[in-house]
Amino acid sequence: MEEIKFRIQRRNNLNTIYVDPKRQEKSNATHDYQIECLKKTEDGLIDYGVKFSISFQNGARHEPDCKVGVLDSDLLEIVRHRLHGFQSGEYATRENEMALTHVEQALMWLAKRADDRDERGVLGTMKK
């Protein structure tokens, strides 16, 4: 696995994200990630040795050789749920509200794509 170096959030990262450099042939997407959790102390960063793996869907669900995994929308739904929680309590901020708006927009567009594919009868396949 190689570290993701070109991140939008470049400062104050407590975690390091690693990506498997192999990509799925047709989609050109990567499917396996690992997150290494660190803690910032006065002496620097401490590696707790805690790692989480995320494996995304690889291939079409209706294909016999697909690898079932997490969908992009699954992770966005989790982030949406967390941001709603923050916004309903003492940690509500304008920045969280803007992030929530954009996460919900991303979910809307992903749902539209899935609905369009379903209407064309190609959802769950590698057909365009």
Protein backbone atom coordinates (compact mmCIF):
# COMPACT_ATOMS: atom_id res chain seq x y z
CA MET A 1 0.00 0.00 0.00
CA GLU A 2 1.17 3.51 -0.73
CA GLU A 3 0.30 6.67 1.18
CA ILE A 4 -2.16 9.08 -0.39
CA LYS A 5 -0.07 12.23 -0.72
CA PHE A 6 -2.37 14.59 -2.60
CA ARG A 7 -5.14 15.24 -0.12
CA ILE A 8 -7.46 18.23 0.06
CA GLN A 9 -7.01 18.40 3.82
CA ARG A 10 -3.24 18.81 4.10
CA ARG A 11 -2.83 20.16 7.63
CA ASN A 12 -3.74 18.78 11.04
CA ASN A 13 -4.22 15.19 9.86
CA LEU A 14 -4.21 12.65 12.65
CA ASN A 15 -4.60 9.69 10.32
CA THR A 16 -2.63 8.45 7.36
CA ILE A 17 -4.52 6.91 4.46
CA TYR A 18 -2.91 4.21 2.37
CA VAL A 19 -4.21 2.98 -0.95
CA ASP A 20 -3.62 -0.23 -2.85
CA PRO A 21 -2.10 0.98 -6.14
CA LYS A 22 -3.99 -1.71 -8.12
CA ARG A 23 -7.02 -0.36 -9.94
CA GLN A 24 -10.01 -2.13 -11.41
CA GLU A 25 -9.48 -2.40 -15.14
CA LYS A 26 -12.77 -1.00 -16.46
CA SER A 27 -13.56 1.64 -13.83
CA ASN A 28 -9.98 2.80 -13.15
CA ALA A 29 -11.01 3.04 -9.47
CA THR A 30 -9.10 1.80 -6.47
CA HIS A 31 -10.97 -0.52 -4.15
CA ASP A 32 -8.83 -1.12 -1.06
CA TYR A 33 -7.76 1.46 1.50
CA GLN A 34 -6.19 1.34 4.94
CA ILE A 35 -6.35 4.08 7.56
CA GLU A 36 -3.64 4.26 10.22
CA CYS A 37 -4.72 6.17 13.32
CA LEU A 38 -2.20 8.42 15.04
CA LYS A 39 -2.38 10.68 18.07
CA LYS A 40 -0.71 14.07 18.33
CA THR A 41 1.23 14.70 21.54
CA GLU A 42 3.65 17.37 22.67
CA ASP A 43 6.50 15.08 21.57
CA GLY A 44 5.06 14.51 18.10
CA LEU A 45 2.84 11.78 16.69
CA ILE A 46 2.28 8.42 18.33
CA ASP A 47 1.37 5.44 16.15
CA TYR A 48 -1.17 3.38 18.03
CA GLY A 49 -0.87 0.57 15.52
CA VAL A 50 -4.60 0.84 14.92
CA LYS A 51 -5.48 0.29 11.29
CA PHE A 52 -8.83 0.10 9.61
CA SER A 53 -9.41 -1.37 6.19
CA ILE A 54 -12.08 -0.31 3.75
CA SER A 55 -12.82 -2.46 0.74
CA PHE A 56 -15.14 -1.06 -1.88
CA GLN A 57 -17.40 -2.95 -4.26
CA ASN A 58 -15.24 -4.28 -7.08
CA GLY A 59 -17.22 -5.25 -10.14
CA ALA A 60 -20.93 -5.34 -10.84
CA ARG A 61 -23.10 -7.02 -8.18
CA HIS A 62 -24.83 -9.21 -10.77
CA GLU A 63 -21.52 -10.54 -12.08
CA PRO A 64 -20.35 -13.84 -10.55
CA ASP A 65 -16.75 -12.72 -9.95
CA CYS A 66 -17.52 -9.40 -8.22
CA LYS A 67 -16.08 -8.62 -4.81
CA VAL A 68 -18.89 -7.29 -2.64
CA GLY A 69 -17.90 -4.28 -0.58
CA VAL A 70 -18.75 -0.84 0.69
CA LEU A 71 -20.28 1.69 -1.71
CA ASP A 72 -19.29 5.35 -1.89
CA SER A 73 -22.83 6.26 -0.85
CA ASP A 74 -22.52 4.07 2.30
CA LEU A 75 -19.62 6.17 3.57
CA LEU A 76 -21.37 9.41 2.64
CA GLU A 77 -24.49 8.29 4.56
CA ILE A 78 -22.31 7.69 7.64
CA VAL A 79 -20.73 11.15 7.31
CA ARG A 80 -24.18 12.68 6.78
CA HIS A 81 -25.47 11.01 9.95
CA ARG A 82 -22.47 12.26 11.99
CA LEU A 83 -22.77 15.83 10.69
CA HIS A 84 -26.49 15.84 11.54
CA GLY A 85 -25.50 14.80 15.06
CA PHE A 86 -22.96 17.60 15.38
CA GLN A 87 -25.44 20.11 13.99
CA SER A 88 -28.09 19.09 16.53
CA GLY A 89 -25.82 19.83 19.50
CA GLU A 90 -23.33 22.32 20.85
CA TYR A 91 -20.85 21.65 18.00
CA ALA A 92 -23.05 23.08 15.27
CA THR A 93 -21.06 25.33 12.94
CA ARG A 94 -21.46 27.03 9.60
CA GLU A 95 -18.63 24.85 8.24
CA ASN A 96 -20.39 21.65 9.33
CA GLU A 97 -23.61 22.91 7.75
CA MET A 98 -21.84 23.60 4.45
CA ALA A 99 -20.17 20.17 4.54
CA LEU A 100 -23.56 18.56 5.27
CA THR A 101 -25.14 20.37 2.33
CA HIS A 102 -22.46 19.11 -0.04
CA VAL A 103 -22.55 15.55 1.30
CA GLU A 104 -26.33 15.53 0.75
CA GLN A 105 -25.82 16.88 -2.78
CA ALA A 106 -23.28 14.14 -3.48
CA LEU A 107 -25.74 11.52 -2.24
CA MET A 108 -28.48 13.01 -4.44
CA TRP A 109 -26.27 12.77 -7.55
CA LEU A 110 -25.18 9.22 -6.76
CA ALA A 111 -28.84 8.22 -6.27
CA LYS A 112 -29.75 9.89 -9.57
CA ARG A 113 -27.02 7.92 -11.34
CA ALA A 114 -28.26 4.64 -9.82
CA ASP A 115 -31.90 5.47 -10.69
CA ASP A 116 -30.93 6.33 -14.28
CA ARG A 117 -29.01 3.06 -14.61
CA ASP A 118 -31.95 1.14 -13.14
CA GLU A 119 -34.36 2.73 -15.63
CA ARG A 120 -32.04 1.71 -18.49
CA GLY A 121 -31.80 -1.85 -17.12
CA VAL A 122 -28.03 -1.73 -16.60
CA LEU A 123 -27.85 -1.28 -12.81
CA GLY A 124 -25.62 -3.96 -11.28
CA THR A 125 -23.80 -4.62 -14.57
CA MET A 126 -20.68 -3.26 -16.23
CA LYS A 127 -22.77 -1.97 -19.16
CA LYS A 128 -22.88 1.81 -19.72
